[in-house]
């Protein structure tokens, strides 16, 4: 047996020793802002044990929904729902988890596999006095003060146009048994919060269940060690 064959056998025996992850299901949550609870609509492939909560306002406590008017038109970006949208207020001062205006939702992962937040999107309209920056922040199992950021971007100050903000390359992991709280904040600029300065619609979050390829069995690991040891002894004697 030559050296190339020994190396091939060792590689084959060790080939199971990889723990790669692959997507097995996608859940898409959208919030239509109808009724009084702002519950999500769930589509895609169900993930048993994944619970996605209602949209809520964390600060300030005032909000309302409307279907638009001549001065505040419905969203015009592609695929807009053109239904009720959220009419709320966000601070323009520097970010503060307690003082900045935000909307939020909670995700509980009681499934049998880790889940990742892989996408987040929403439509937004700045009335002209709203904040110029947004940030999707989170904390897991109540740890931290929403200092960790999953996505961020800028908000145009135009008071006549809707914009669609989409993040499709996220990889935020939600471990099995975890509770993740998400908050979409607006902040930055100068001046206090003003009523009706931000309008939001078509909030969308994508969650992907992932699975792991099992690591190599003890037999495979032992077999690789035997092959490697045999090869070393063999070539140590004859191929010096």
C-alpha atoms as a PDB file:
ATOM      1  CA  UNK A   1       0.000   0.000   0.000  1.00  0.00           C
ATOM      2  CA  UNK A   2       1.492   3.367  -0.973  1.00  0.00           C
ATOM      3  CA  UNK A   3       1.529   6.626   0.913  1.00  0.00           C
ATOM      4  CA  UNK A   4      -1.304   8.104  -1.170  1.00  0.00           C
ATOM      5  CA  UNK A   5      -3.612   5.198  -0.301  1.00  0.00           C
ATOM      6  CA  UNK A   6      -2.913   5.586   3.428  1.00  0.00           C
ATOM      7  CA  UNK A   7      -3.721   9.263   3.291  1.00  0.00           C
ATOM      8  CA  UNK A   8      -6.941   8.546   1.378  1.00  0.00           C
ATOM      9  CA  UNK A   9      -8.055   5.960   3.943  1.00  0.00           C
ATOM     10  CA  UNK A  10      -7.329   8.310   6.824  1.00  0.00           C
ATOM     11  CA  UNK A  11      -9.280  11.104   5.170  1.00  0.00           C
ATOM     12  CA  UNK A  12     -12.199   8.741   4.510  1.00  0.00           C
ATOM     13  CA  UNK A  13     -12.269   7.564   8.120  1.00  0.00           C
ATOM     14  CA  UNK A  14     -12.194  11.125   9.378  1.00  0.00           C
ATOM     15  CA  UNK A  15     -14.768  12.410   6.912  1.00  0.00           C
ATOM     16  CA  UNK A  16     -17.562  12.102   9.488  1.00  0.00           C
ATOM     17  CA  UNK A  17     -15.789  14.446  11.878  1.00  0.00           C
ATOM     18  CA  UNK A  18     -17.502  17.604  10.657  1.00  0.00           C
ATOM     19  CA  UNK A  19     -20.289  19.499  12.338  1.00  0.00           C
ATOM     20  CA  UNK A  20     -21.763  21.493   9.470  1.00  0.00           C
ATOM     21  CA  UNK A  21     -25.111  23.269   9.715  1.00  0.00           C
ATOM     22  CA  UNK A  22     -27.815  23.511   7.105  1.00  0.00           C
ATOM     23  CA  UNK A  23     -31.231  25.127   6.930  1.00  0.00           C
ATOM     24  CA  UNK A  24     -34.169  22.800   7.439  1.00  0.00           C
ATOM     25  CA  UNK A  25     -37.139  25.171   7.682  1.00  0.00           C
ATOM     26  CA  UNK A  26     -38.096  28.827   7.313  1.00  0.00           C
ATOM     27  CA  UNK A  27     -40.811  30.657   9.209  1.00  0.00           C
ATOM     28  CA  UNK A  28     -41.896  34.091   8.010  1.00  0.00           C
ATOM     29  CA  UNK A  29     -43.680  36.387  10.459  1.00  0.00           C
ATOM     30  CA  UNK A  30     -45.475  39.537   9.310  1.00  0.00           C
ATOM     31  CA  UNK A  31     -47.487  41.955  11.412  1.00  0.00           C
ATOM     32  CA  UNK A  32     -50.507  43.473   9.608  1.00  0.00           C
ATOM     33  CA  UNK A  33     -51.386  46.018  12.357  1.00  0.00           C
ATOM     34  CA  UNK A  34     -55.032  45.047  12.363  1.00  0.00           C
ATOM     35  CA  UNK A  35     -57.180  44.737  15.469  1.00  0.00           C
ATOM     36  CA  UNK A  36     -55.792  45.747  18.837  1.00  0.00           C
ATOM     37  CA  UNK A  37     -53.201  43.045  19.563  1.00  0.00           C
ATOM     38  CA  UNK A  38     -50.941  43.383  16.489  1.00  0.00           C
ATOM     39  CA  UNK A  39     -50.482  39.623  16.292  1.00  0.00           C
ATOM     40  CA  UNK A  40     -48.193  38.140  13.627  1.00  0.00           C
ATOM     41  CA  UNK A  41     -49.266  36.190  10.581  1.00  0.00           C
ATOM     42  CA  UNK A  42     -47.111  33.073  10.186  1.00  0.00           C
ATOM     43  CA  UNK A  43     -46.265  31.532   6.816  1.00  0.00           C
ATOM     44  CA  UNK A  44     -43.556  29.260   5.459  1.00  0.00           C
ATOM     45  CA  UNK A  45     -42.582  25.887   6.951  1.00  0.00           C
ATOM     46  CA  UNK A  46     -43.745  25.566  10.564  1.00  0.00           C
ATOM     47  CA  UNK A  47     -41.148  25.103  13.300  1.00  0.00           C
ATOM     48  CA  UNK A  48     -42.783  23.302  16.221  1.00  0.00           C
ATOM     49  CA  UNK A  49     -42.053  25.099  19.470  1.00  0.00           C
ATOM     50  CA  UNK A  50     -41.112  28.458  17.925  1.00  0.00           C
ATOM     51  CA  UNK A  51     -43.364  31.151  19.388  1.00  0.00           C
ATOM     52  CA  UNK A  52     -43.398  34.655  17.874  1.00  0.00           C
ATOM     53  CA  UNK A  53     -45.144  37.369  19.874  1.00  0.00           C
ATOM     54  CA  UNK A  54     -47.252  40.405  19.074  1.00  0.00           C
ATOM     55  CA  UNK A  55     -45.795  43.782  18.177  1.00  0.00           C
ATOM     56  CA  UNK A  56     -45.780  46.104  21.161  1.00  0.00           C
ATOM     57  CA  UNK A  57     -44.600  49.619  21.901  1.00  0.00           C
ATOM     58  CA  UNK A  58     -41.918  49.895  24.569  1.00  0.00           C
ATOM     59  CA  UNK A  59     -41.440  53.670  24.694  1.00  0.00           C
ATOM     60  CA  UNK A  60     -43.384  55.873  24.418  1.00  0.00           C
ATOM     61  CA  UNK A  61     -46.716  54.225  25.154  1.00  0.00           C
ATOM     62  CA  UNK A  62     -48.761  56.127  22.574  1.00  0.00           C
ATOM     63  CA  UNK A  63     -49.509  54.667  19.147  1.00  0.00           C
ATOM     64  CA  UNK A  64     -52.343  54.290  16.678  1.00  0.00           C
ATOM     65  CA  UNK A  65     -53.000  52.800  13.259  1.00  0.00           C
ATOM     66  CA  UNK A  66     -54.496  54.302  10.167  1.00  0.00           C
ATOM     67  CA  UNK A  67     -55.100  53.352   6.540  1.00  0.00           C
ATOM     68  CA  UNK A  68     -53.791  56.611   5.125  1.00  0.00           C
ATOM     69  CA  UNK A  69     -55.137  59.935   3.970  1.00  0.00           C
ATOM     70  CA  UNK A  70     -54.482  62.568   1.326  1.00  0.00           C
ATOM     71  CA  UNK A  71     -51.633  64.004   3.399  1.00  0.00           C
ATOM     72  CA  UNK A  72     -50.294  60.660   4.638  1.00  0.00           C
ATOM     73  CA  UNK A  73     -50.558  58.165   1.767  1.00  0.00           C
ATOM     74  CA  UNK A  74     -50.296  54.415   2.102  1.00  0.00           C
ATOM     75  CA  UNK A  75     -46.923  52.767   1.321  1.00  0.00           C
ATOM     76  CA  UNK A  76     -45.911  52.830  -2.330  1.00  0.00           C
ATOM     77  CA  UNK A  77     -42.872  50.531  -2.397  1.00  0.00           C
ATOM     78  CA  UNK A  78     -43.155  47.204  -4.319  1.00  0.00           C
ATOM     79  CA  UNK A  79     -45.369  44.550  -2.678  1.00  0.00           C
ATOM     80  CA  UNK A  80     -46.661  46.955  -0.032  1.00  0.00           C
ATOM     81  CA  UNK A  81     -49.717  45.619   1.806  1.00  0.00           C
ATOM     82  CA  UNK A  82     -51.460  49.019   1.553  1.00  0.00           C
ATOM     83  CA  UNK A  83     -53.459  48.173   4.662  1.00  0.00           C
ATOM     84  CA  UNK A  84     -53.314  49.773   8.110  1.00  0.00           C
ATOM     85  CA  UNK A  85     -49.922  50.994   9.219  1.00  0.00           C
ATOM     86  CA  UNK A  86     -48.490  51.953  12.584  1.00  0.00           C
ATOM     87  CA  UNK A  87     -48.397  55.650  13.409  1.00  0.00           C
ATOM     88  CA  UNK A  88     -46.052  56.295  16.312  1.00  0.00           C
ATOM     89  CA  UNK A  89     -43.382  58.593  17.749  1.00  0.00           C
ATOM     90  CA  UNK A  90     -39.648  58.116  18.120  1.00  0.00           C
ATOM     91  CA  UNK A  91     -37.047  60.264  19.843  1.00  0.00           C
ATOM     92  CA  UNK A  92     -34.420  62.109  17.834  1.00  0.00           C
ATOM     93  CA  UNK A  93     -31.867  62.207  20.659  1.00  0.00           C
ATOM     94  CA  UNK A  94     -28.993  59.754  21.130  1.00  0.00           C
ATOM     95  CA  UNK A  95     -29.829  56.108  21.605  1.00  0.00           C
ATOM     96  CA  UNK A  96     -31.120  55.018  24.983  1.00  0.00           C
ATOM     97  CA  UNK A  97     -32.877  51.691  25.558  1.00  0.00           C
ATOM     98  CA  UNK A  98     -35.401  53.366  27.861  1.00  0.00           C
ATOM     99  CA  UNK A  99     -35.820  56.798  26.283  1.00  0.00           C
ATOM    100  CA  UNK A 100     -35.735  56.119  22.548  1.00  0.00           C
ATOM    101  CA  UNK A 101     -38.994  55.251  20.853  1.00  0.00           C
ATOM    102  CA  UNK A 102     -39.292  51.673  19.639  1.00  0.00           C
ATOM    103  CA  UNK A 103     -41.527  48.787  18.707  1.00  0.00           C
ATOM    104  CA  UNK A 104     -40.736  45.278  19.857  1.00  0.00           C
ATOM    105  CA  UNK A 105     -41.590  41.598  19.788  1.00  0.00           C
ATOM    106  CA  UNK A 106     -40.467  38.459  21.610  1.00  0.00           C
ATOM    107  CA  UNK A 107     -39.419  35.105  20.159  1.00  0.00           C
ATOM    108  CA  UNK A 108     -39.305  31.934  22.263  1.00  0.00           C
ATOM    109  CA  UNK A 109     -37.392  28.978  20.866  1.00  0.00           C
ATOM    110  CA  UNK A 110     -38.809  25.829  22.471  1.00  0.00           C
ATOM    111  CA  UNK A 111     -38.069  23.765  19.372  1.00  0.00           C
ATOM    112  CA  UNK A 112     -35.586  20.893  19.192  1.00  0.00           C
ATOM    113  CA  UNK A 113     -32.998  22.785  17.143  1.00  0.00           C
ATOM    114  CA  UNK A 114     -31.273  26.170  17.147  1.00  0.00           C
ATOM    115  CA  UNK A 115     -33.021  28.892  15.144  1.00  0.00           C
ATOM    116  CA  UNK A 116     -31.489  31.874  13.389  1.00  0.00           C
ATOM    117  CA  UNK A 117     -32.963  35.260  12.583  1.00  0.00           C
ATOM    118  CA  UNK A 118     -31.960  35.376   8.920  1.00  0.00           C
ATOM    119  CA  UNK A 119     -34.031  38.284   7.621  1.00  0.00           C
ATOM    120  CA  UNK A 120     -35.740  41.429   8.833  1.00  0.00           C
ATOM    121  CA  UNK A 121     -37.556  44.120   6.841  1.00  0.00           C
ATOM    122  CA  UNK A 122     -40.075  46.918   7.258  1.00  0.00           C
ATOM    123  CA  UNK A 123     -41.550  49.930   5.516  1.00  0.00           C
ATOM    124  CA  UNK A 124     -41.024  53.347   7.075  1.00  0.00           C
ATOM    125  CA  UNK A 125     -42.007  56.960   6.494  1.00  0.00           C
ATOM    126  CA  UNK A 126     -40.378  59.878   8.312  1.00  0.00           C
ATOM    127  CA  UNK A 127     -42.746  62.812   8.704  1.00  0.00           C
ATOM    128  CA  UNK A 128     -39.788  65.199   8.561  1.00  0.00           C
ATOM    129  CA  UNK A 129     -39.326  65.534  12.303  1.00  0.00           C
ATOM    130  CA  UNK A 130     -38.516  61.896  12.995  1.00  0.00           C
ATOM    131  CA  UNK A 131     -35.087  60.392  13.777  1.00  0.00           C
ATOM    132  CA  UNK A 132     -32.598  59.737  10.961  1.00  0.00           C
ATOM    133  CA  UNK A 133     -31.334  56.368  12.210  1.00  0.00           C
ATOM    134  CA  UNK A 134     -32.887  53.006  13.038  1.00  0.00           C
ATOM    135  CA  UNK A 135     -31.442  50.006  14.842  1.00  0.00           C
ATOM    136  CA  UNK A 136     -32.796  46.508  15.469  1.00  0.00           C
ATOM    137  CA  UNK A 137     -31.473  45.497  18.868  1.00  0.00           C
ATOM    138  CA  UNK A 138     -31.966  42.429  20.998  1.00  0.00           C
ATOM    139  CA  UNK A 139     -31.258  40.654  24.238  1.00  0.00           C
ATOM    140  CA  UNK A 140     -31.460  36.941  24.962  1.00  0.00           C
ATOM    141  CA  UNK A 141     -32.823  35.494  28.202  1.00  0.00           C
ATOM    142  CA  UNK A 142     -33.090  38.957  29.701  1.00  0.00           C
ATOM    143  CA  UNK A 143     -29.334  39.540  29.650  1.00  0.00           C
ATOM    144  CA  UNK A 144     -28.116  43.005  28.681  1.00  0.00           C
ATOM    145  CA  UNK A 145     -29.719  46.353  28.026  1.00  0.00           C
ATOM    146  CA  UNK A 146     -30.388  45.999  24.292  1.00  0.00           C
ATOM    147  CA  UNK A 147     -26.812  46.979  23.491  1.00  0.00           C
ATOM    148  CA  UNK A 148     -26.403  44.195  20.900  1.00  0.00           C
ATOM    149  CA  UNK A 149     -27.395  45.146  17.362  1.00  0.00           C
ATOM    150  CA  UNK A 150     -28.717  42.821  14.646  1.00  0.00           C
ATOM    151  CA  UNK A 151     -29.251  45.412  11.880  1.00  0.00           C
ATOM    152  CA  UNK A 152     -29.229  49.175  11.362  1.00  0.00           C
ATOM    153  CA  UNK A 153     -29.601  51.866   8.737  1.00  0.00           C
ATOM    154  CA  UNK A 154     -30.678  55.403   7.914  1.00  0.00           C
ATOM    155  CA  UNK A 155     -34.130  56.938   7.566  1.00  0.00           C
ATOM    156  CA  UNK A 156     -34.778  59.617   4.958  1.00  0.00           C
ATOM    157  CA  UNK A 157     -36.211  62.855   6.348  1.00  0.00           C
ATOM    158  CA  UNK A 158     -38.650  63.089   3.444  1.00  0.00           C
ATOM    159  CA  UNK A 159     -42.205  63.525   4.724  1.00  0.00           C
ATOM    160  CA  UNK A 160     -43.868  62.363   1.548  1.00  0.00           C
ATOM    161  CA  UNK A 161     -42.178  59.059   0.724  1.00  0.00           C
ATOM    162  CA  UNK A 162     -42.223  55.545   2.088  1.00  0.00           C
ATOM    163  CA  UNK A 163     -39.037  53.465   2.056  1.00  0.00           C
ATOM    164  CA  UNK A 164     -38.571  49.711   2.422  1.00  0.00           C
ATOM    165  CA  UNK A 165     -35.641  48.607   4.572  1.00  0.00           C
ATOM    166  CA  UNK A 166     -34.566  44.987   4.094  1.00  0.00           C
ATOM    167  CA  UNK A 167     -31.825  42.937   5.738  1.00  0.00           C
ATOM    168  CA  UNK A 168     -31.489  39.455   4.252  1.00  0.00           C
ATOM    169  CA  UNK A 169     -28.058  38.265   5.397  1.00  0.00           C
ATOM    170  CA  UNK A 170     -28.557  38.024   9.169  1.00  0.00           C
ATOM    171  CA  UNK A 171     -27.241  35.048  11.167  1.00  0.00           C
ATOM    172  CA  UNK A 172     -28.369  35.787  14.710  1.00  0.00           C
ATOM    173  CA  UNK A 173     -28.623  32.501  16.609  1.00  0.00           C
ATOM    174  CA  UNK A 174     -31.452  31.778  19.052  1.00  0.00           C
ATOM    175  CA  UNK A 175     -30.412  28.711  21.086  1.00  0.00           C
ATOM    176  CA  UNK A 176     -32.827  25.983  22.108  1.00  0.00           C
ATOM    177  CA  UNK A 177     -34.742  27.077  25.210  1.00  0.00           C
ATOM    178  CA  UNK A 178     -33.963  30.780  24.744  1.00  0.00           C
ATOM    179  CA  UNK A 179     -36.229  33.822  24.861  1.00  0.00           C
ATOM    180  CA  UNK A 180     -35.119  36.654  22.578  1.00  0.00           C
ATOM    181  CA  UNK A 181     -36.528  40.178  22.853  1.00  0.00           C
ATOM    182  CA  UNK A 182     -36.216  42.408  19.788  1.00  0.00           C
ATOM    183  CA  UNK A 183     -36.681  46.170  19.637  1.00  0.00           C
ATOM    184  CA  UNK A 184     -36.614  48.371  16.550  1.00  0.00           C
ATOM    185  CA  UNK A 185     -35.412  51.801  17.686  1.00  0.00           C
ATOM    186  CA  UNK A 186     -35.239  55.196  16.035  1.00  0.00           C
ATOM    187  CA  UNK A 187     -32.797  57.788  17.323  1.00  0.00           C
ATOM    188  CA  UNK A 188     -30.175  60.412  16.465  1.00  0.00           C
ATOM    189  CA  UNK A 189     -30.296  64.045  15.421  1.00  0.00           C
ATOM    190  CA  UNK A 190     -31.482  66.858  17.639  1.00  0.00           C
ATOM    191  CA  UNK A 191     -34.758  67.852  19.218  1.00  0.00           C
ATOM    192  CA  UNK A 192     -37.329  66.059  21.361  1.00  0.00           C
ATOM    193  CA  UNK A 193     -39.837  63.426  20.380  1.00  0.00           C
ATOM    194  CA  UNK A 194     -42.869  64.682  18.470  1.00  0.00           C
ATOM    195  CA  UNK A 195     -46.208  63.007  17.936  1.00  0.00           C
ATOM    196  CA  UNK A 196     -46.800  61.120  14.670  1.00  0.00           C
ATOM    197  CA  UNK A 197     -43.229  61.528  13.444  1.00  0.00           C
ATOM    198  CA  UNK A 198     -42.720  57.926  12.260  1.00  0.00           C
ATOM    199  CA  UNK A 199     -44.980  55.540  10.387  1.00  0.00           C
ATOM    200  CA  UNK A 200     -44.201  51.839  10.014  1.00  0.00           C
ATOM    201  CA  UNK A 201     -45.720  49.058   7.923  1.00  0.00           C
ATOM    202  CA  UNK A 202     -44.998  45.594   6.527  1.00  0.00           C
ATOM    203  CA  UNK A 203     -42.740  44.463   9.360  1.00  0.00           C
ATOM    204  CA  UNK A 204     -41.326  41.075   8.363  1.00  0.00           C
ATOM    205  CA  UNK A 205     -38.973  38.669  10.151  1.00  0.00           C
ATOM    206  CA  UNK A 206     -37.590  35.377   8.840  1.00  0.00           C
ATOM    207  CA  UNK A 207     -36.501  32.609  11.197  1.00  0.00           C
ATOM    208  CA  UNK A 208     -34.578  29.581   9.957  1.00  0.00           C
ATOM    209  CA  UNK A 209     -34.237  26.304  11.848  1.00  0.00           C
ATOM    210  CA  UNK A 210     -30.805  24.738  11.481  1.00  0.00           C
ATOM    211  CA  UNK A 211     -29.580  21.190  12.036  1.00  0.00           C
ATOM    212  CA  UNK A 212     -26.124  19.752  12.591  1.00  0.00           C
ATOM    213  CA  UNK A 213     -24.492  16.845  10.790  1.00  0.00           C
ATOM    214  CA  UNK A 214     -23.455  14.444  13.606  1.00  0.00           C
ATOM    215  CA  UNK A 215     -19.797  14.188  14.444  1.00  0.00           C
ATOM    216  CA  UNK A 216     -17.829  11.045  13.577  1.00  0.00           C
ATOM    217  CA  UNK A 217     -18.573   7.922  15.533  1.00  0.00           C
ATOM    218  CA  UNK A 218     -16.026   6.438  17.889  1.00  0.00           C
ATOM    219  CA  UNK A 219     -15.460   3.660  15.335  1.00  0.00           C
ATOM    220  CA  UNK A 220     -14.540   6.119  12.614  1.00  0.00           C
ATOM    221  CA  UNK A 221     -12.195   8.006  14.899  1.00  0.00           C
ATOM    222  CA  UNK A 222     -10.558   4.777  16.064  1.00  0.00           C
ATOM    223  CA  UNK A 223     -10.276   3.508  12.520  1.00  0.00           C
ATOM    224  CA  UNK A 224      -8.554   6.702  11.433  1.00  0.00           C
ATOM    225  CA  UNK A 225      -6.074   6.407  14.273  1.00  0.00           C
ATOM    226  CA  UNK A 226      -5.280   2.782  13.361  1.00  0.00           C
ATOM    227  CA  UNK A 227      -4.785   3.633   9.688  1.00  0.00           C
ATOM    228  CA  UNK A 228      -2.565   6.583  10.509  1.00  0.00           C
ATOM    229  CA  UNK A 229      -0.464   4.578  12.975  1.00  0.00           C
ATOM    230  CA  UNK A 230      -0.077   1.685  10.541  1.00  0.00           C
ATOM    231  CA  UNK A 231       0.953   4.022   7.776  1.00  0.00           C
ATOM    232  CA  UNK A 232       3.505   5.782   9.954  1.00  0.00           C
ATOM    233  CA  UNK A 233       5.057   2.470  10.996  1.00  0.00           C
ATOM    234  CA  UNK A 234       4.992   1.119   7.460  1.00  0.00           C
ATOM    235  CA  UNK A 235       6.592   4.100   5.831  1.00  0.00           C
ATOM    236  CA  UNK A 236       8.964   4.563   8.752  1.00  0.00           C
ATOM    237  CA  UNK A 237      10.480   1.163   7.948  1.00  0.00           C
ATOM    238  CA  UNK A 238      10.545   1.144   4.170  1.00  0.00           C
ATOM    239  CA  UNK A 239      10.522   4.696   2.853  1.00  0.00           C
ATOM    240  CA  UNK A 240      13.334   6.412   4.658  1.00  0.00           C
END
